[in-house]
Amino acid sequence: MINIYVDADASPVKNEVLRVAKRYGLKVYLVSNSAMRVPQDKLVEMIVVDGHLDAADNWIVDHIADNDIAVSADIPLASRCLKKGARVLDPKGRIFTEESIGSALANRDLMTYLRDMGNMTGGAAPYDKRDRSRFLQRLDDLIQAVLRGKR
């Protein structure tokens, strides 16, 4: 069975993940540093970890398995999940792969450096309807690919 792990603290797609997972009968773990309301459903589990910096990430990596799906915008977490054979999708619908994660990590490090040097301000573009639509389509695509046994 495919499990879906959501890095839930700031995820804008929790409800979308729950809706798609319910359609397929998949278990969802919402992993967070603080409790949040979740539907009463045997397929949904809220995991609250202690507040240290990478506690949610570590919990996800410790429990995720081959062909499970992680939903996170955290690129280092995505890299760790890929190493365990999982599929990884960010909330804007970007699928991380072994081929793409290296450049994503390098870009993240470059952007951090530029911000630290004061050369960049601002953040990511606002989340919009197109992002949500792309995310839903890609999540469905990933689930279908796992069910068909494709990498």
N, C-alpha and C. Protein backbone atom coordinates (compact mmCIF):
# COMPACT_ATOMS: atom_id res chain seq x y z
N MET A 1 0.84 -1.19 0.00
CA MET A 1 0.00 0.00 0.00
C MET A 1 0.87 1.25 0.00
N ILE A 2 0.49 2.23 -0.76
CA ILE A 2 1.19 3.50 -0.82
C ILE A 2 0.76 4.35 0.38
N ASN A 3 1.74 4.95 1.05
CA ASN A 3 1.46 5.92 2.09
C ASN A 3 1.89 7.30 1.59
N ILE A 4 1.19 8.32 2.02
CA ILE A 4 1.55 9.70 1.67
C ILE A 4 1.93 10.42 2.95
N TYR A 5 3.10 11.03 2.94
CA TYR A 5 3.62 11.77 4.09
C TYR A 5 3.65 13.25 3.73
N VAL A 6 2.98 14.07 4.53
CA VAL A 6 2.91 15.50 4.26
C VAL A 6 3.68 16.24 5.33
N ASP A 7 4.65 17.03 4.90
CA ASP A 7 5.36 17.96 5.78
C ASP A 7 4.35 19.09 6.02
N ALA A 8 3.56 18.94 7.09
CA ALA A 8 2.28 19.66 7.19
C ALA A 8 2.33 21.05 7.81
N ASP A 9 3.40 21.44 8.47
CA ASP A 9 3.39 22.72 9.19
C ASP A 9 2.91 23.88 8.34
N ALA A 10 3.46 24.05 7.17
CA ALA A 10 3.08 25.20 6.34
C ALA A 10 2.51 24.77 4.99
N SER A 11 2.09 23.54 4.88
CA SER A 11 1.62 23.03 3.60
C SER A 11 0.26 23.63 3.22
N PRO A 12 0.19 24.22 2.02
CA PRO A 12 -1.10 24.74 1.56
C PRO A 12 -1.98 23.70 0.88
N VAL A 13 -1.51 22.44 0.83
CA VAL A 13 -2.24 21.41 0.07
C VAL A 13 -2.71 20.23 0.91
N LYS A 14 -2.82 20.41 2.20
CA LYS A 14 -3.25 19.30 3.06
C LYS A 14 -4.62 18.78 2.64
N ASN A 15 -5.57 19.68 2.43
CA ASN A 15 -6.92 19.25 2.05
C ASN A 15 -6.93 18.54 0.71
N GLU A 16 -6.13 19.00 -0.22
CA GLU A 16 -6.07 18.37 -1.54
C GLU A 16 -5.49 16.95 -1.43
N VAL A 17 -4.45 16.80 -0.62
CA VAL A 17 -3.86 15.47 -0.42
C VAL A 17 -4.90 14.54 0.18
N LEU A 18 -5.63 15.00 1.18
CA LEU A 18 -6.63 14.16 1.83
C LEU A 18 -7.72 13.74 0.85
N ARG A 19 -8.15 14.67 0.00
CA ARG A 19 -9.20 14.37 -0.98
C ARG A 19 -8.74 13.32 -1.99
N VAL A 20 -7.53 13.48 -2.52
CA VAL A 20 -7.02 12.52 -3.51
C VAL A 20 -6.76 11.17 -2.85
N ALA A 21 -6.16 11.18 -1.67
CA ALA A 21 -5.85 9.93 -0.98
C ALA A 21 -7.12 9.15 -0.65
N LYS A 22 -8.16 9.85 -0.27
CA LYS A 22 -9.42 9.18 0.04
C LYS A 22 -9.97 8.47 -1.19
N ARG A 23 -9.86 9.11 -2.35
CA ARG A 23 -10.34 8.51 -3.59
C ARG A 23 -9.64 7.18 -3.89
N TYR A 24 -8.34 7.10 -3.53
CA TYR A 24 -7.56 5.89 -3.78
C TYR A 24 -7.49 4.95 -2.57
N GLY A 25 -8.00 5.38 -1.43
CA GLY A 25 -7.93 4.57 -0.22
C GLY A 25 -6.53 4.49 0.36
N LEU A 26 -5.76 5.58 0.27
CA LEU A 26 -4.38 5.61 0.74
C LEU A 26 -4.27 6.25 2.12
N LYS A 27 -3.32 5.77 2.91
CA LYS A 27 -3.05 6.30 4.24
C LYS A 27 -2.24 7.59 4.10
N VAL A 28 -2.63 8.61 4.88
CA VAL A 28 -1.93 9.91 4.88
C VAL A 28 -1.44 10.19 6.29
N TYR A 29 -0.16 10.56 6.39
CA TYR A 29 0.43 11.00 7.64
C TYR A 29 0.71 12.50 7.51
N LEU A 30 0.06 13.29 8.34
CA LEU A 30 0.31 14.73 8.40
C LEU A 30 1.30 14.94 9.55
N VAL A 31 2.53 15.31 9.22
CA VAL A 31 3.59 15.40 10.22
C VAL A 31 3.88 16.87 10.48
N SER A 32 3.81 17.24 11.78
CA SER A 32 3.88 18.65 12.14
C SER A 32 4.50 18.82 13.52
N ASN A 33 4.96 20.05 13.79
CA ASN A 33 5.48 20.40 15.11
C ASN A 33 4.36 20.80 16.07
N SER A 34 3.16 20.98 15.56
CA SER A 34 2.04 21.34 16.42
C SER A 34 0.78 20.64 15.92
N ALA A 35 -0.15 20.44 16.84
CA ALA A 35 -1.39 19.75 16.48
C ALA A 35 -2.25 20.61 15.58
N MET A 36 -3.01 19.98 14.74
CA MET A 36 -3.96 20.67 13.88
C MET A 36 -5.17 19.78 13.70
N ARG A 37 -6.25 20.36 13.28
CA ARG A 37 -7.47 19.58 13.07
C ARG A 37 -7.33 18.72 11.83
N VAL A 38 -7.71 17.47 11.99
CA VAL A 38 -7.72 16.55 10.86
C VAL A 38 -9.03 15.79 10.89
N PRO A 39 -9.49 15.35 9.74
CA PRO A 39 -10.74 14.58 9.70
C PRO A 39 -10.62 13.29 10.50
N GLN A 40 -11.71 12.89 11.11
CA GLN A 40 -11.76 11.59 11.79
C GLN A 40 -11.89 10.52 10.71
N ASP A 41 -10.78 9.91 10.38
CA ASP A 41 -10.74 8.92 9.32
C ASP A 41 -9.59 7.97 9.62
N LYS A 42 -9.83 6.68 9.50
CA LYS A 42 -8.79 5.71 9.80
C LYS A 42 -7.60 5.82 8.85
N LEU A 43 -7.80 6.47 7.70
CA LEU A 43 -6.72 6.64 6.73
C LEU A 43 -5.90 7.92 6.93
N VAL A 44 -6.25 8.71 7.94
CA VAL A 44 -5.54 9.96 8.20
C VAL A 44 -4.98 9.92 9.61
N GLU A 45 -3.68 10.16 9.72
CA GLU A 45 -3.05 10.17 11.04
C GLU A 45 -2.25 11.46 11.21
N MET A 46 -2.50 12.15 12.31
CA MET A 46 -1.77 13.36 12.67
C MET A 46 -0.59 12.94 13.54
N ILE A 47 0.61 13.29 13.12
CA ILE A 47 1.82 12.99 13.88
C ILE A 47 2.39 14.32 14.35
N VAL A 48 2.44 14.51 15.66
CA VAL A 48 3.03 15.72 16.23
C VAL A 48 4.38 15.34 16.82
N VAL A 49 5.42 15.98 16.32
CA VAL A 49 6.78 15.70 16.78
C VAL A 49 7.23 16.82 17.70
N ASP A 50 8.30 16.57 18.45
CA ASP A 50 8.79 17.63 19.33
C ASP A 50 9.33 18.78 18.49
N GLY A 51 9.54 19.91 19.10
CA GLY A 51 9.81 21.14 18.36
C GLY A 51 11.21 21.34 17.82
N HIS A 52 12.12 20.36 17.93
CA HIS A 52 13.47 20.66 17.42
C HIS A 52 13.47 20.79 15.90
N LEU A 53 14.47 21.45 15.40
CA LEU A 53 14.51 21.96 14.02
C LEU A 53 14.07 20.97 12.95
N ASP A 54 14.63 19.79 12.91
CA ASP A 54 14.32 18.85 11.83
C ASP A 54 13.49 17.66 12.29
N ALA A 55 12.75 17.80 13.37
CA ALA A 55 12.01 16.67 13.93
C ALA A 55 11.00 16.09 12.94
N ALA A 56 10.23 16.95 12.29
CA ALA A 56 9.23 16.45 11.32
C ALA A 56 9.93 15.78 10.14
N ASP A 57 10.97 16.41 9.63
CA ASP A 57 11.72 15.82 8.51
C ASP A 57 12.27 14.46 8.90
N ASN A 58 12.87 14.38 10.08
CA ASN A 58 13.47 13.11 10.53
C ASN A 58 12.40 12.03 10.68
N TRP A 59 11.23 12.39 11.20
CA TRP A 59 10.17 11.41 11.36
C TRP A 59 9.75 10.87 10.00
N ILE A 60 9.58 11.76 9.05
CA ILE A 60 9.17 11.34 7.70
C ILE A 60 10.22 10.40 7.11
N VAL A 61 11.48 10.78 7.17
CA VAL A 61 12.54 9.96 6.58
C VAL A 61 12.63 8.60 7.29
N ASP A 62 12.43 8.58 8.59
CA ASP A 62 12.48 7.32 9.33
C ASP A 62 11.34 6.36 8.95
N HIS A 63 10.23 6.89 8.47
CA HIS A 63 9.05 6.05 8.21
C HIS A 63 8.73 5.84 6.73
N ILE A 64 9.21 6.71 5.87
CA ILE A 64 8.87 6.59 4.45
C ILE A 64 9.59 5.40 3.83
N ALA A 65 8.96 4.79 2.86
CA ALA A 65 9.52 3.60 2.22
C ALA A 65 9.45 3.74 0.70
N ASP A 66 10.04 2.78 0.04
CA ASP A 66 10.05 2.73 -1.41
C ASP A 66 8.63 2.88 -1.96
N ASN A 67 8.47 3.78 -2.92
CA ASN A 67 7.20 4.06 -3.60
C ASN A 67 6.15 4.78 -2.77
N ASP A 68 6.47 5.16 -1.52
CA ASP A 68 5.60 6.08 -0.80
C ASP A 68 5.76 7.45 -1.44
N ILE A 69 4.90 8.39 -1.06
CA ILE A 69 4.95 9.74 -1.62
C ILE A 69 5.11 10.74 -0.49
N ALA A 70 6.06 11.65 -0.65
CA ALA A 70 6.24 12.76 0.29
C ALA A 70 5.78 14.03 -0.39
N VAL A 71 5.09 14.88 0.37
CA VAL A 71 4.66 16.19 -0.13
C VAL A 71 5.35 17.23 0.73
N SER A 72 6.27 17.97 0.11
CA SER A 72 7.04 18.97 0.85
C SER A 72 7.73 19.93 -0.11
N ALA A 73 7.88 21.17 0.34
CA ALA A 73 8.66 22.15 -0.40
C ALA A 73 10.11 22.17 0.10
N ASP A 74 10.41 21.37 1.11
CA ASP A 74 11.73 21.32 1.73
C ASP A 74 12.65 20.47 0.85
N ILE A 75 13.59 21.12 0.17
CA ILE A 75 14.44 20.42 -0.80
C ILE A 75 15.38 19.42 -0.13
N PRO A 76 16.02 19.74 1.00
CA PRO A 76 16.84 18.71 1.65
C PRO A 76 16.00 17.50 2.08
N LEU A 77 14.79 17.72 2.56
CA LEU A 77 13.91 16.59 2.90
C LEU A 77 13.59 15.79 1.65
N ALA A 78 13.31 16.46 0.55
CA ALA A 78 13.03 15.77 -0.71
C ALA A 78 14.21 14.87 -1.09
N SER A 79 15.41 15.37 -0.96
CA SER A 79 16.60 14.59 -1.29
C SER A 79 16.70 13.34 -0.42
N ARG A 80 16.46 13.50 0.86
CA ARG A 80 16.53 12.36 1.78
C ARG A 80 15.45 11.32 1.46
N CYS A 81 14.26 11.76 1.09
CA CYS A 81 13.18 10.82 0.74
C CYS A 81 13.48 10.08 -0.56
N LEU A 82 14.04 10.79 -1.53
CA LEU A 82 14.40 10.15 -2.79
C LEU A 82 15.41 9.03 -2.56
N LYS A 83 16.35 9.25 -1.65
CA LYS A 83 17.36 8.23 -1.35
C LYS A 83 16.74 6.96 -0.78
N LYS A 84 15.54 7.08 -0.22
CA LYS A 84 14.85 5.91 0.33
C LYS A 84 13.90 5.28 -0.70
N GLY A 85 13.91 5.79 -1.93
CA GLY A 85 13.09 5.23 -2.99
C GLY A 85 11.69 5.80 -3.09
N ALA A 86 11.42 6.86 -2.34
CA ALA A 86 10.09 7.48 -2.35
C ALA A 86 9.95 8.42 -3.53
N ARG A 87 8.72 8.81 -3.81
CA ARG A 87 8.42 9.84 -4.79
C ARG A 87 8.21 11.13 -4.00
N VAL A 88 8.56 12.27 -4.58
CA VAL A 88 8.45 13.54 -3.86
C VAL A 88 7.84 14.59 -4.77
N LEU A 89 6.88 15.30 -4.19
CA LEU A 89 6.13 16.34 -4.91
C LEU A 89 6.07 17.57 -4.03
N ASP A 90 6.32 18.75 -4.61
CA ASP A 90 6.17 19.96 -3.80
C ASP A 90 4.77 20.53 -4.01
N PRO A 91 4.33 21.44 -3.14
CA PRO A 91 2.96 21.95 -3.21
C PRO A 91 2.59 22.68 -4.50
N LYS A 92 3.59 23.08 -5.27
CA LYS A 92 3.30 23.74 -6.55
C LYS A 92 3.29 22.76 -7.71
N GLY A 93 3.43 21.48 -7.41
CA GLY A 93 3.34 20.46 -8.45
C GLY A 93 4.66 20.06 -9.07
N ARG A 94 5.77 20.48 -8.50
CA ARG A 94 7.08 20.09 -9.03
C ARG A 94 7.42 18.71 -8.47
N ILE A 95 7.71 17.79 -9.37
CA ILE A 95 8.13 16.45 -8.96
C ILE A 95 9.65 16.44 -8.89
N PHE A 96 10.16 16.08 -7.72
CA PHE A 96 11.61 15.94 -7.56
C PHE A 96 12.00 14.52 -7.95
N THR A 97 13.10 14.41 -8.67
CA THR A 97 13.62 13.11 -9.08
C THR A 97 15.10 13.07 -8.74
N GLU A 98 15.69 11.88 -8.86
CA GLU A 98 17.14 11.75 -8.65
C GLU A 98 17.89 12.65 -9.64
N GLU A 99 17.33 12.83 -10.83
CA GLU A 99 18.00 13.64 -11.84
C GLU A 99 17.88 15.13 -11.56
N SER A 100 16.82 15.56 -10.91
CA SER A 100 16.59 17.00 -10.71
C SER A 100 16.98 17.51 -9.33
N ILE A 101 17.18 16.63 -8.36
CA ILE A 101 17.38 17.09 -6.99
C ILE A 101 18.71 17.80 -6.80
N GLY A 102 19.73 17.40 -7.53
CA GLY A 102 21.04 18.05 -7.40
C GLY A 102 20.98 19.53 -7.77
N SER A 103 20.34 19.84 -8.88
CA SER A 103 20.24 21.24 -9.28
C SER A 103 19.31 22.02 -8.35
N ALA A 104 18.27 21.35 -7.82
CA ALA A 104 17.38 22.01 -6.86
C ALA A 104 18.14 22.37 -5.58
N LEU A 105 18.98 21.45 -5.10
CA LEU A 105 19.78 21.73 -3.91
C LEU A 105 20.78 22.85 -4.17
N ALA A 106 21.42 22.82 -5.33
CA ALA A 106 22.39 23.87 -5.67
C ALA A 106 21.71 25.23 -5.77
N ASN A 107 20.55 25.28 -6.40
CA ASN A 107 19.81 26.53 -6.52
C ASN A 107 19.39 27.05 -5.15
N ARG A 108 18.94 26.14 -4.28
CA ARG A 108 18.56 26.53 -2.92
C ARG A 108 19.75 27.15 -2.20
N ASP A 109 20.92 26.51 -2.30
CA ASP A 109 22.11 27.02 -1.63
C ASP A 109 22.52 28.38 -2.19
N LEU A 110 22.42 28.54 -3.51
CA LEU A 110 22.75 29.82 -4.13
C LEU A 110 21.81 30.92 -3.64
N MET A 111 20.52 30.64 -3.62
CA MET A 111 19.55 31.64 -3.17
C MET A 111 19.78 32.01 -1.70
N THR A 112 20.10 31.03 -0.88
CA THR A 112 20.41 31.30 0.53
C THR A 112 21.62 32.20 0.64
N TYR A 113 22.65 31.92 -0.13
CA TYR A 113 23.85 32.74 -0.13
C TYR A 113 23.54 34.18 -0.56
N LEU A 114 22.78 34.34 -1.64
CA LEU A 114 22.44 35.68 -2.11
C LEU A 114 21.61 36.45 -1.08
N ARG A 115 20.66 35.76 -0.42
CA ARG A 115 19.87 36.43 0.63
C ARG A 115 20.77 36.83 1.79
N ASP A 116 21.68 35.94 2.18
CA ASP A 116 22.59 36.24 3.29
C ASP A 116 23.51 37.42 2.98
N MET A 117 23.82 37.59 1.72
CA MET A 117 24.68 38.71 1.29
C MET A 117 23.88 40.00 1.11
N GLY A 118 22.57 39.91 1.25
CA GLY A 118 21.73 41.10 1.10
C GLY A 118 21.41 41.45 -0.33
N ASN A 119 21.71 40.56 -1.26
CA ASN A 119 21.49 40.83 -2.68
C ASN A 119 20.10 40.49 -3.16
N MET A 120 19.31 39.83 -2.31
CA MET A 120 17.97 39.44 -2.72
C MET A 120 17.02 39.66 -1.56
N THR A 121 15.87 40.11 -1.87
CA THR A 121 14.82 40.20 -0.86
C THR A 121 13.57 39.57 -1.44
N GLY A 122 12.59 39.40 -0.61
CA GLY A 122 11.35 38.80 -1.08
C GLY A 122 11.40 37.30 -0.96
N GLY A 123 10.30 36.70 -1.27
CA GLY A 123 10.19 35.25 -1.15
C GLY A 123 9.59 34.64 -2.40
N ALA A 124 9.03 33.50 -2.20
CA ALA A 124 8.42 32.78 -3.31
C ALA A 124 7.16 33.51 -3.77
N ALA A 125 6.80 33.27 -5.01
CA ALA A 125 5.58 33.86 -5.56
C ALA A 125 4.37 33.31 -4.79
N PRO A 126 3.31 34.08 -4.69
CA PRO A 126 2.11 33.61 -3.98
C PRO A 126 1.55 32.34 -4.62
N TYR A 127 0.97 31.52 -3.77
CA TYR A 127 0.35 30.27 -4.21
C TYR A 127 -0.96 30.61 -4.91
N ASP A 128 -1.18 30.09 -6.11
CA ASP A 128 -2.40 30.45 -6.83
C ASP A 128 -3.16 29.21 -7.34
N LYS A 129 -4.27 29.44 -8.02
CA LYS A 129 -5.13 28.36 -8.50
C LYS A 129 -4.40 27.43 -9.46
N ARG A 130 -3.53 28.00 -10.28
CA ARG A 130 -2.78 27.16 -11.23
C ARG A 130 -1.85 26.20 -10.49
N ASP A 131 -1.22 26.70 -9.40
CA ASP A 131 -0.36 25.84 -8.59
C ASP A 131 -1.16 24.68 -8.00
N ARG A 132 -2.33 24.98 -7.46
CA ARG A 132 -3.18 23.97 -6.85
C ARG A 132 -3.62 22.93 -7.90
N SER A 133 -4.01 23.40 -9.06
CA SER A 133 -4.43 22.51 -10.14
C SER A 133 -3.28 21.61 -10.59
N ARG A 134 -2.10 22.21 -10.77
CA ARG A 134 -0.92 21.45 -11.19
C ARG A 134 -0.57 20.40 -10.11
N PHE A 135 -0.64 20.80 -8.84
CA PHE A 135 -0.36 19.87 -7.75
C PHE A 135 -1.31 18.68 -7.80
N LEU A 136 -2.59 18.94 -7.92
CA LEU A 136 -3.58 17.86 -7.95
C LEU A 136 -3.32 16.90 -9.10
N GLN A 137 -3.01 17.44 -10.27
CA GLN A 137 -2.74 16.59 -11.43
C GLN A 137 -1.49 15.75 -11.22
N ARG A 138 -0.43 16.37 -10.71
CA ARG A 138 0.82 15.64 -10.52
C ARG A 138 0.71 14.59 -9.41
N LEU A 139 -0.04 14.89 -8.36
CA LEU A 139 -0.24 13.89 -7.31
C LEU A 139 -0.97 12.68 -7.87
N ASP A 140 -2.00 12.93 -8.64
CA ASP A 140 -2.73 11.83 -9.28
C ASP A 140 -1.80 11.05 -10.20
N ASP A 141 -0.98 11.76 -10.99
CA ASP A 141 -0.02 11.10 -11.90
C ASP A 141 0.95 10.21 -11.12
N LEU A 142 1.48 10.73 -9.99
CA LEU A 142 2.42 9.94 -9.19
C LEU A 142 1.77 8.68 -8.64
N ILE A 143 0.58 8.82 -8.12
CA ILE A 143 -0.13 7.66 -7.58
C ILE A 143 -0.36 6.63 -8.68
N GLN A 144 -0.82 7.08 -9.84
CA GLN A 144 -1.05 6.16 -10.96
C GLN A 144 0.25 5.47 -11.38
N ALA A 145 1.37 6.22 -11.41
CA ALA A 145 2.65 5.63 -11.79
C ALA A 145 3.08 4.55 -10.79
N VAL A 146 2.91 4.82 -9.51
CA VAL A 146 3.26 3.82 -8.49
C VAL A 146 2.37 2.60 -8.64
N LEU A 147 1.09 2.81 -8.83
CA LEU A 147 0.17 1.69 -8.98
C LEU A 147 0.50 0.84 -10.21
N ARG A 148 1.01 1.46 -11.25
CA ARG A 148 1.40 0.73 -12.48
C ARG A 148 2.82 0.16 -12.37
N GLY A 149 3.52 0.52 -11.30
CA GLY A 149 4.88 0.00 -11.10
C GLY A 149 5.94 0.71 -11.91
N LYS A 150 5.66 1.95 -12.33
CA LYS A 150 6.64 2.69 -13.13
C LYS A 150 7.46 3.61 -12.25
N ARG A 151 8.70 3.85 -12.60
CA ARG A 151 9.58 4.80 -11.92
C ARG A 151 9.42 6.13 -12.58
